[in-house]
Amino acid sequence: MKRPQIGRGAMTKAEMQKSTMATAHAGDIPRQNPCAQCGAPIPKPDWIEPGEGRISYLWTCRACNYRFEAVAIFDEAAVEHPPLAA
């Protein structure tokens, strides 16, 4: 019987992409980012993780197998907060 996983590694890569990429607009996803190691273009990030005032992107270079993370940080004014009360 397969035990459920909790935390890191709990989802398969396909499940992560389906749940994360589906919420991102296709025009908002960075494309052809150069590898931080060899400079080869990477078509799209493997993983996108939105956070409070930031978005993290995990990239894997298929040319040299280098993995790295890039973080986009937004101005505080650009972060929308839900209203506290109705």
PDB file of N, CA and C in Angstrom:
ATOM      1  N   MET A   1       0.842  -1.184   0.000  1.00  0.00           N
ATOM      2  CA  MET A   1       0.000   0.000   0.000  1.00  0.00           C
ATOM      3  C   MET A   1       0.882   1.240   0.000  1.00  0.00           C
ATOM      4  N   LYS A   2       0.574   2.178  -0.881  1.00  0.00           N
ATOM      5  CA  LYS A   2       1.370   3.398  -0.990  1.00  0.00           C
ATOM      6  C   LYS A   2       0.984   4.372   0.120  1.00  0.00           C
ATOM      7  N   ARG A   3       1.996   4.825   0.876  1.00  0.00           N
ATOM      8  CA  ARG A   3       1.738   5.776   1.954  1.00  0.00           C
ATOM      9  C   ARG A   3       1.660   7.183   1.391  1.00  0.00           C
ATOM     10  N   PRO A   4       0.742   8.016   1.896  1.00  0.00           N
ATOM     11  CA  PRO A   4       0.680   9.399   1.417  1.00  0.00           C
ATOM     12  C   PRO A   4       1.905  10.173   1.882  1.00  0.00           C
ATOM     13  N   GLN A   5       2.392  11.038   1.028  1.00  0.00           N
ATOM     14  CA  GLN A   5       3.548  11.860   1.381  1.00  0.00           C
ATOM     15  C   GLN A   5       3.073  13.223   1.859  1.00  0.00           C
ATOM     16  N   ILE A   6       3.823  13.781   2.772  1.00  0.00           N
ATOM     17  CA  ILE A   6       3.534  15.110   3.287  1.00  0.00           C
ATOM     18  C   ILE A   6       4.761  15.970   3.061  1.00  0.00           C
ATOM     19  N   GLY A   7       4.542  17.208   2.614  1.00  0.00           N
ATOM     20  CA  GLY A   7       5.648  18.143   2.424  1.00  0.00           C
ATOM     21  C   GLY A   7       6.335  17.957   1.092  1.00  0.00           C
ATOM     22  N   ARG A   8       7.629  18.238   1.065  1.00  0.00           N
ATOM     23  CA  ARG A   8       8.409  18.209  -0.168  1.00  0.00           C
ATOM     24  C   ARG A   8       8.338  16.825  -0.812  1.00  0.00           C
ATOM     25  N   GLY A   9       8.017  16.776  -2.087  1.00  0.00           N
ATOM     26  CA  GLY A   9       7.922  15.518  -2.800  1.00  0.00           C
ATOM     27  C   GLY A   9       6.554  14.866  -2.712  1.00  0.00           C
ATOM     28  N   ALA A  10       5.572  15.557  -2.139  1.00  0.00           N
ATOM     29  CA  ALA A  10       4.242  14.979  -1.982  1.00  0.00           C
ATOM     30  C   ALA A  10       3.495  14.884  -3.300  1.00  0.00           C
ATOM     31  N   MET A  11       3.830  15.739  -4.259  1.00  0.00           N
ATOM     32  CA  MET A  11       3.159  15.736  -5.556  1.00  0.00           C
ATOM     33  C   MET A  11       4.145  15.326  -6.640  1.00  0.00           C
ATOM     34  N   THR A  12       3.620  14.713  -7.689  1.00  0.00           N
ATOM     35  CA  THR A  12       4.468  14.398  -8.827  1.00  0.00           C
ATOM     36  C   THR A  12       4.700  15.673  -9.625  1.00  0.00           C
ATOM     37  N   LYS A  13       5.698  15.665 -10.489  1.00  0.00           N
ATOM     38  CA  LYS A  13       5.995  16.831 -11.314  1.00  0.00           C
ATOM     39  C   LYS A  13       4.791  17.193 -12.183  1.00  0.00           C
ATOM     40  N   ALA A  14       4.113  16.193 -12.740  1.00  0.00           N
ATOM     41  CA  ALA A  14       2.938  16.446 -13.584  1.00  0.00           C
ATOM     42  C   ALA A  14       1.819  17.104 -12.785  1.00  0.00           C
ATOM     43  N   GLU A  15       1.608  16.645 -11.548  1.00  0.00           N
ATOM     44  CA  GLU A  15       0.574  17.244 -10.696  1.00  0.00           C
ATOM     45  C   GLU A  15       0.928  18.684 -10.345  1.00  0.00           C
ATOM     46  N   MET A  16       2.206  18.944 -10.054  1.00  0.00           N
ATOM     47  CA  MET A  16       2.637  20.299  -9.726  1.00  0.00           C
ATOM     48  C   MET A  16       2.435  21.229 -10.908  1.00  0.00           C
ATOM     49  N   GLN A  17       2.822  20.793 -12.094  1.00  0.00           N
ATOM     50  CA  GLN A  17       2.674  21.627 -13.274  1.00  0.00           C
ATOM     51  C   GLN A  17       1.210  21.891 -13.558  1.00  0.00           C
ATOM     52  N   LYS A  18       0.379  20.874 -13.419  1.00  0.00           N
ATOM     53  CA  LYS A  18      -1.045  21.034 -13.694  1.00  0.00           C
ATOM     54  C   LYS A  18      -1.666  22.025 -12.722  1.00  0.00           C
ATOM     55  N   SER A  19      -1.357  21.919 -11.432  1.00  0.00           N
ATOM     56  CA  SER A  19      -1.968  22.799 -10.447  1.00  0.00           C
ATOM     57  C   SER A  19      -1.389  24.203 -10.484  1.00  0.00           C
ATOM     58  N   THR A  20      -0.106  24.339 -10.737  1.00  0.00           N
ATOM     59  CA  THR A  20       0.527  25.648 -10.711  1.00  0.00           C
ATOM     60  C   THR A  20       0.423  26.363 -12.044  1.00  0.00           C
ATOM     61  N   MET A  21       0.740  25.677 -13.126  1.00  0.00           N
ATOM     62  CA  MET A  21       0.751  26.308 -14.431  1.00  0.00           C
ATOM     63  C   MET A  21      -0.657  26.672 -14.891  1.00  0.00           C
ATOM     64  N   ALA A  22      -1.661  25.941 -14.435  1.00  0.00           N
ATOM     65  CA  ALA A  22      -3.024  26.222 -14.874  1.00  0.00           C
ATOM     66  C   ALA A  22      -3.495  27.577 -14.380  1.00  0.00           C
ATOM     67  N   THR A  23      -2.993  28.033 -13.227  1.00  0.00           N
ATOM     68  CA  THR A  23      -3.423  29.311 -12.690  1.00  0.00           C
ATOM     69  C   THR A  23      -2.637  30.476 -13.270  1.00  0.00           C
ATOM     70  N   ALA A  24      -1.513  30.229 -13.877  1.00  0.00           N
ATOM     71  CA  ALA A  24      -0.703  31.291 -14.473  1.00  0.00           C
ATOM     72  C   ALA A  24      -1.199  31.574 -15.887  1.00  0.00           C
ATOM     73  N   HIS A  25      -1.216  32.844 -16.244  1.00  0.00           N
ATOM     74  CA  HIS A  25      -1.597  33.220 -17.598  1.00  0.00           C
ATOM     75  C   HIS A  25      -0.427  32.925 -18.524  1.00  0.00           C
ATOM     76  N   ALA A  26      -0.709  32.368 -19.678  1.00  0.00           N
ATOM     77  CA  ALA A  26       0.344  31.967 -20.616  1.00  0.00           C
ATOM     78  C   ALA A  26       1.244  33.137 -20.988  1.00  0.00           C
ATOM     79  N   GLY A  27       0.702  34.336 -21.087  1.00  0.00           N
ATOM     80  CA  GLY A  27       1.501  35.503 -21.447  1.00  0.00           C
ATOM     81  C   GLY A  27       2.395  35.998 -20.325  1.00  0.00           C
ATOM     82  N   ASP A  28       2.099  35.576 -19.085  1.00  0.00           N
ATOM     83  CA  ASP A  28       2.865  36.033 -17.924  1.00  0.00           C
ATOM     84  C   ASP A  28       4.059  35.144 -17.602  1.00  0.00           C
ATOM     85  N   ILE A  29       4.125  33.958 -18.189  1.00  0.00           N
ATOM     86  CA  ILE A  29       5.209  33.021 -17.887  1.00  0.00           C
ATOM     87  C   ILE A  29       6.447  33.411 -18.688  1.00  0.00           C
ATOM     88  N   PRO A  30       7.588  33.609 -18.006  1.00  0.00           N
ATOM     89  CA  PRO A  30       8.803  33.948 -18.756  1.00  0.00           C
ATOM     90  C   PRO A  30       9.213  32.809 -19.686  1.00  0.00           C
ATOM     91  N   ARG A  31       9.731  33.165 -20.829  1.00  0.00           N
ATOM     92  CA  ARG A  31      10.144  32.178 -21.838  1.00  0.00           C
ATOM     93  C   ARG A  31      11.576  32.472 -22.273  1.00  0.00           C
ATOM     94  N   GLN A  32      12.274  31.417 -22.717  1.00  0.00           N
ATOM     95  CA  GLN A  32      13.626  31.528 -23.268  1.00  0.00           C
ATOM     96  C   GLN A  32      14.600  32.226 -22.308  1.00  0.00           C
ATOM     97  N   ASN A  33      14.480  31.938 -21.023  1.00  0.00           N
ATOM     98  CA  ASN A  33      15.409  32.481 -20.037  1.00  0.00           C
ATOM     99  C   ASN A  33      16.774  31.827 -20.252  1.00  0.00           C
ATOM    100  N   PRO A  34      17.864  32.598 -20.282  1.00  0.00           N
ATOM    101  CA  PRO A  34      19.181  31.977 -20.470  1.00  0.00           C
ATOM    102  C   PRO A  34      19.635  31.241 -19.207  1.00  0.00           C
ATOM    103  N   CYS A  35      20.293  30.116 -19.399  1.00  0.00           N
ATOM    104  CA  CYS A  35      20.845  29.342 -18.288  1.00  0.00           C
ATOM    105  C   CYS A  35      21.882  30.192 -17.555  1.00  0.00           C
ATOM    106  N   ALA A  36      21.846  30.159 -16.223  1.00  0.00           N
ATOM    107  CA  ALA A  36      22.799  30.918 -15.419  1.00  0.00           C
ATOM    108  C   ALA A  36      24.204  30.330 -15.489  1.00  0.00           C
ATOM    109  N   GLN A  37      24.339  29.090 -15.966  1.00  0.00           N
ATOM    110  CA  GLN A  37      25.641  28.430 -16.049  1.00  0.00           C
ATOM    111  C   GLN A  37      26.244  28.515 -17.456  1.00  0.00           C
ATOM    112  N   CYS A  38      25.476  28.066 -18.478  1.00  0.00           N
ATOM    113  CA  CYS A  38      26.050  27.976 -19.828  1.00  0.00           C
ATOM    114  C   CYS A  38      25.446  28.972 -20.820  1.00  0.00           C
ATOM    115  N   GLY A  39      24.341  29.620 -20.458  1.00  0.00           N
ATOM    116  CA  GLY A  39      23.734  30.622 -21.329  1.00  0.00           C
ATOM    117  C   GLY A  39      22.749  30.087 -22.352  1.00  0.00           C
ATOM    118  N   ALA A  40      22.553  28.766 -22.411  1.00  0.00           N
ATOM    119  CA  ALA A  40      21.594  28.189 -23.364  1.00  0.00           C
ATOM    120  C   ALA A  40      20.177  28.628 -22.990  1.00  0.00           C
ATOM    121  N   PRO A  41      19.327  28.919 -23.972  1.00  0.00           N
ATOM    122  CA  PRO A  41      17.953  29.333 -23.653  1.00  0.00           C
ATOM    123  C   PRO A  41      17.133  28.163 -23.097  1.00  0.00           C
ATOM    124  N   ILE A  42      16.322  28.452 -22.081  1.00  0.00           N
ATOM    125  CA  ILE A  42      15.440  27.457 -21.476  1.00  0.00           C
ATOM    126  C   ILE A  42      14.011  27.860 -21.840  1.00  0.00           C
ATOM    127  N   PRO A  43      13.267  26.973 -22.510  1.00  0.00           N
ATOM    128  CA  PRO A  43      11.944  27.347 -23.032  1.00  0.00           C
ATOM    129  C   PRO A  43      10.962  27.871 -21.986  1.00  0.00           C
ATOM    130  N   LYS A  44      10.845  27.200 -20.832  1.00  0.00           N
ATOM    131  CA  LYS A  44       9.908  27.641 -19.798  1.00  0.00           C
ATOM    132  C   LYS A  44      10.351  27.087 -18.449  1.00  0.00           C
ATOM    133  N   PRO A  45       9.913  27.694 -17.348  1.00  0.00           N
ATOM    134  CA  PRO A  45      10.302  27.192 -16.030  1.00  0.00           C
ATOM    135  C   PRO A  45       9.637  25.855 -15.728  1.00  0.00           C
ATOM    136  N   ASP A  46      10.311  25.052 -14.876  1.00  0.00           N
ATOM    137  CA  ASP A  46       9.759  23.772 -14.441  1.00  0.00           C
ATOM    138  C   ASP A  46       8.688  23.968 -13.374  1.00  0.00           C
ATOM    139  N   TRP A  47       8.832  25.028 -12.603  1.00  0.00           N
ATOM    140  CA  TRP A  47       7.975  25.236 -11.440  1.00  0.00           C
ATOM    141  C   TRP A  47       7.794  26.726 -11.224  1.00  0.00           C
ATOM    142  N   ILE A  48       6.576  27.125 -10.883  1.00  0.00           N
ATOM    143  CA  ILE A  48       6.273  28.516 -10.553  1.00  0.00           C
ATOM    144  C   ILE A  48       5.622  28.517  -9.181  1.00  0.00           C
ATOM    145  N   GLU A  49       6.163  29.326  -8.271  1.00  0.00           N
ATOM    146  CA  GLU A  49       5.610  29.393  -6.922  1.00  0.00           C
ATOM    147  C   GLU A  49       5.308  30.841  -6.567  1.00  0.00           C
ATOM    148  N   PRO A  50       4.025  31.224  -6.588  1.00  0.00           N
ATOM    149  CA  PRO A  50       3.674  32.588  -6.203  1.00  0.00           C
ATOM    150  C   PRO A  50       3.729  32.750  -4.689  1.00  0.00           C
ATOM    151  N   GLY A  51       4.056  33.947  -4.250  1.00  0.00           N
ATOM    152  CA  GLY A  51       4.100  34.246  -2.829  1.00  0.00           C
ATOM    153  C   GLY A  51       3.677  35.679  -2.598  1.00  0.00           C
ATOM    154  N   GLU A  52       3.727  36.122  -1.381  1.00  0.00           N
ATOM    155  CA  GLU A  52       3.348  37.484  -1.016  1.00  0.00           C
ATOM    156  C   GLU A  52       4.368  38.472  -1.580  1.00  0.00           C
ATOM    157  N   GLY A  53       3.994  39.173  -2.633  1.00  0.00           N
ATOM    158  CA  GLY A  53       4.873  40.172  -3.229  1.00  0.00           C
ATOM    159  C   GLY A  53       6.008  39.617  -4.069  1.00  0.00           C
ATOM    160  N   ARG A  54       5.942  38.332  -4.425  1.00  0.00           N
ATOM    161  CA  ARG A  54       7.021  37.733  -5.209  1.00  0.00           C
ATOM    162  C   ARG A  54       6.510  36.517  -5.974  1.00  0.00           C
ATOM    163  N   ILE A  55       7.268  36.117  -6.988  1.00  0.00           N
ATOM    164  CA  ILE A  55       7.036  34.860  -7.699  1.00  0.00           C
ATOM    165  C   ILE A  55       8.396  34.208  -7.903  1.00  0.00           C
ATOM    166  N   SER A  56       8.504  32.932  -7.541  1.00  0.00           N
ATOM    167  CA  SER A  56       9.746  32.178  -7.732  1.00  0.00           C
ATOM    168  C   SER A  56       9.590  31.253  -8.930  1.00  0.00           C
ATOM    169  N   TYR A  57      10.651  31.167  -9.729  1.00  0.00           N
ATOM    170  CA  TYR A  57      10.674  30.301 -10.906  1.00  0.00           C
ATOM    171  C   TYR A  57      11.840  29.331 -10.767  1.00  0.00           C
ATOM    172  N   LEU A  58      11.588  28.032 -10.964  1.00  0.00           N
ATOM    173  CA  LEU A  58      12.642  27.025 -10.955  1.00  0.00           C
ATOM    174  C   LEU A  58      12.933  26.644 -12.400  1.00  0.00           C
ATOM    175  N   TRP A  59      14.203  26.772 -12.798  1.00  0.00           N
ATOM    176  CA  TRP A  59      14.630  26.502 -14.171  1.00  0.00           C
ATOM    177  C   TRP A  59      15.592  25.328 -14.177  1.00  0.00           C
ATOM    178  N   THR A  60      15.517  24.480 -15.206  1.00  0.00           N
ATOM    179  CA  THR A  60      16.467  23.389 -15.420  1.00  0.00           C
ATOM    180  C   THR A  60      16.976  23.481 -16.845  1.00  0.00           C
ATOM    181  N   CYS A  61      18.293  23.582 -16.995  1.00  0.00           N
ATOM    182  CA  CYS A  61      18.906  23.645 -18.319  1.00  0.00           C
ATOM    183  C   CYS A  61      19.077  22.227 -18.846  1.00  0.00           C
ATOM    184  N   ARG A  62      18.520  21.953 -20.007  1.00  0.00           N
ATOM    185  CA  ARG A  62      18.637  20.629 -20.617  1.00  0.00           C
ATOM    186  C   ARG A  62      20.019  20.440 -21.256  1.00  0.00           C
ATOM    187  N   ALA A  63      20.725  21.537 -21.534  1.00  0.00           N
ATOM    188  CA  ALA A  63      22.047  21.446 -22.158  1.00  0.00           C
ATOM    189  C   ALA A  63      23.123  21.014 -21.160  1.00  0.00           C
ATOM    190  N   CYS A  64      23.076  21.563 -19.927  1.00  0.00           N
ATOM    191  CA  CYS A  64      24.141  21.263 -18.959  1.00  0.00           C
ATOM    192  C   CYS A  64      23.619  20.700 -17.630  1.00  0.00           C
ATOM    193  N   ASN A  65      22.301  20.488 -17.511  1.00  0.00           N
ATOM    194  CA  ASN A  65      21.663  19.954 -16.303  1.00  0.00           C
ATOM    195  C   ASN A  65      21.774  20.862 -15.085  1.00  0.00           C
ATOM    196  N   TYR A  66      22.067  22.128 -15.273  1.00  0.00           N
ATOM    197  CA  TYR A  66      22.146  23.070 -14.156  1.00  0.00           C
ATOM    198  C   TYR A  66      20.736  23.481 -13.757  1.00  0.00           C
ATOM    199  N   ARG A  67      20.460  23.533 -12.448  1.00  0.00           N
ATOM    200  CA  ARG A  67      19.155  23.970 -11.941  1.00  0.00           C
ATOM    201  C   ARG A  67      19.361  25.225 -11.119  1.00  0.00           C
ATOM    202  N   PHE A  68      18.468  26.185 -11.309  1.00  0.00           N
ATOM    203  CA  PHE A  68      18.559  27.414 -10.531  1.00  0.00           C
ATOM    204  C   PHE A  68      17.182  28.023 -10.349  1.00  0.00           C
ATOM    205  N   GLU A  69      17.091  28.933  -9.387  1.00  0.00           N
ATOM    206  CA  GLU A  69      15.837  29.614  -9.086  1.00  0.00           C
ATOM    207  C   GLU A  69      16.002  31.100  -9.365  1.00  0.00           C
ATOM    208  N   ALA A  70      14.981  31.683  -9.949  1.00  0.00           N
ATOM    209  CA  ALA A  70      14.938  33.128 -10.160  1.00  0.00           C
ATOM    210  C   ALA A  70      13.704  33.644  -9.428  1.00  0.00           C
ATOM    211  N   VAL A  71      13.831  34.785  -8.758  1.00  0.00           N
ATOM    212  CA  VAL A  71      12.728  35.343  -7.986  1.00  0.00           C
ATOM    213  C   VAL A  71      12.412  36.736  -8.504  1.00  0.00           C
ATOM    214  N   ALA A  72      11.139  36.972  -8.797  1.00  0.00           N
ATOM    215  CA  ALA A  72      10.661  38.303  -9.176  1.00  0.00           C
ATOM    216  C   ALA A  72       9.999  38.901  -7.943  1.00  0.00           C
ATOM    217  N   ILE A  73      10.471  40.076  -7.524  1.00  0.00           N
ATOM    218  CA  ILE A  73       9.927  40.753  -6.347  1.00  0.00           C
ATOM    219  C   ILE A  73       9.203  42.005  -6.822  1.00  0.00           C
ATOM    220  N   PHE A  74       7.967  42.172  -6.351  1.00  0.00           N
ATOM    221  CA  PHE A  74       7.135  43.288  -6.772  1.00  0.00           C
ATOM    222  C   PHE A  74       7.150  44.401  -5.740  1.00  0.00           C
ATOM    223  N   ASP A  75       6.940  45.643  -6.208  1.00  0.00           N
ATOM    224  CA  ASP A  75       6.788  46.766  -5.291  1.00  0.00           C
ATOM    225  C   ASP A  75       5.603  46.501  -4.378  1.00  0.00           C
ATOM    226  N   GLU A  76       5.674  47.010  -3.158  1.00  0.00           N
ATOM    227  CA  GLU A  76       4.589  46.794  -2.210  1.00  0.00           C
ATOM    228  C   GLU A  76       3.279  47.373  -2.736  1.00  0.00           C
ATOM    229  N   ALA A  77       3.353  48.467  -3.480  1.00  0.00           N
ATOM    230  CA  ALA A  77       2.146  49.091  -4.033  1.00  0.00           C
ATOM    231  C   ALA A  77       1.476  48.186  -5.062  1.00  0.00           C
ATOM    232  N   ALA A  78       2.230  47.331  -5.717  1.00  0.00           N
ATOM    233  CA  ALA A  78       1.679  46.452  -6.752  1.00  0.00           C
ATOM    234  C   ALA A  78       0.995  45.221  -6.174  1.00  0.00           C
ATOM    235  N   VAL A  79       1.252  44.915  -4.901  1.00  0.00           N
ATOM    236  CA  VAL A  79       0.657  43.742  -4.265  1.00  0.00           C
ATOM    237  C   VAL A  79      -0.754  44.092  -3.820  1.00  0.00           C
ATOM    238  N   GLU A  80      -1.721  43.338  -4.304  1.00  0.00           N
ATOM    239  CA  GLU A  80      -3.110  43.582  -3.932  1.00  0.00           C
ATOM    240  C   GLU A  80      -3.443  42.794  -2.676  1.00  0.00           C
ATOM    241  N   HIS A  81      -4.046  43.483  -1.716  1.00  0.00           N
ATOM    242  CA  HIS A  81      -4.464  42.833  -0.482  1.00  0.00           C
ATOM    243  C   HIS A  81      -5.981  42.787  -0.448  1.00  0.00           C
ATOM    244  N   PRO A  82      -6.556  41.683   0.004  1.00  0.00           N
ATOM    245  CA  PRO A  82      -8.017  41.618   0.101  1.00  0.00           C
ATOM    246  C   PRO A  82      -8.517  42.575   1.181  1.00  0.00           C
ATOM    247  N   PRO A  83      -9.749  43.070   1.045  1.00  0.00           N
ATOM    248  CA  PRO A  83     -10.282  43.969   2.072  1.00  0.00           C
ATOM    249  C   PRO A  83     -10.391  43.246   3.418  1.00  0.00           C
ATOM    250  N   LEU A  84     -10.161  43.989   4.490  1.00  0.00           N
ATOM    251  CA  LEU A  84     -10.206  43.398   5.822  1.00  0.00           C
ATOM    252  C   LEU A  84     -11.635  43.160   6.293  1.00  0.00           C
ATOM    253  N   ALA A  85     -12.556  44.030   5.908  1.00  0.00           N
ATOM    254  CA  ALA A  85     -13.952  43.881   6.325  1.00  0.00           C
ATOM    255  C   ALA A  85     -14.862  44.361   5.205  1.00  0.00           C
ATOM    256  N   ALA A  86     -16.067  43.844   5.214  1.00  0.00           N
ATOM    257  CA  ALA A  86     -17.027  44.237   4.167  1.00  0.00           C
ATOM    258  C   ALA A  86     -17.788  45.477   4.561  1.00  0.00           C
TER     259      ALA A  86
END
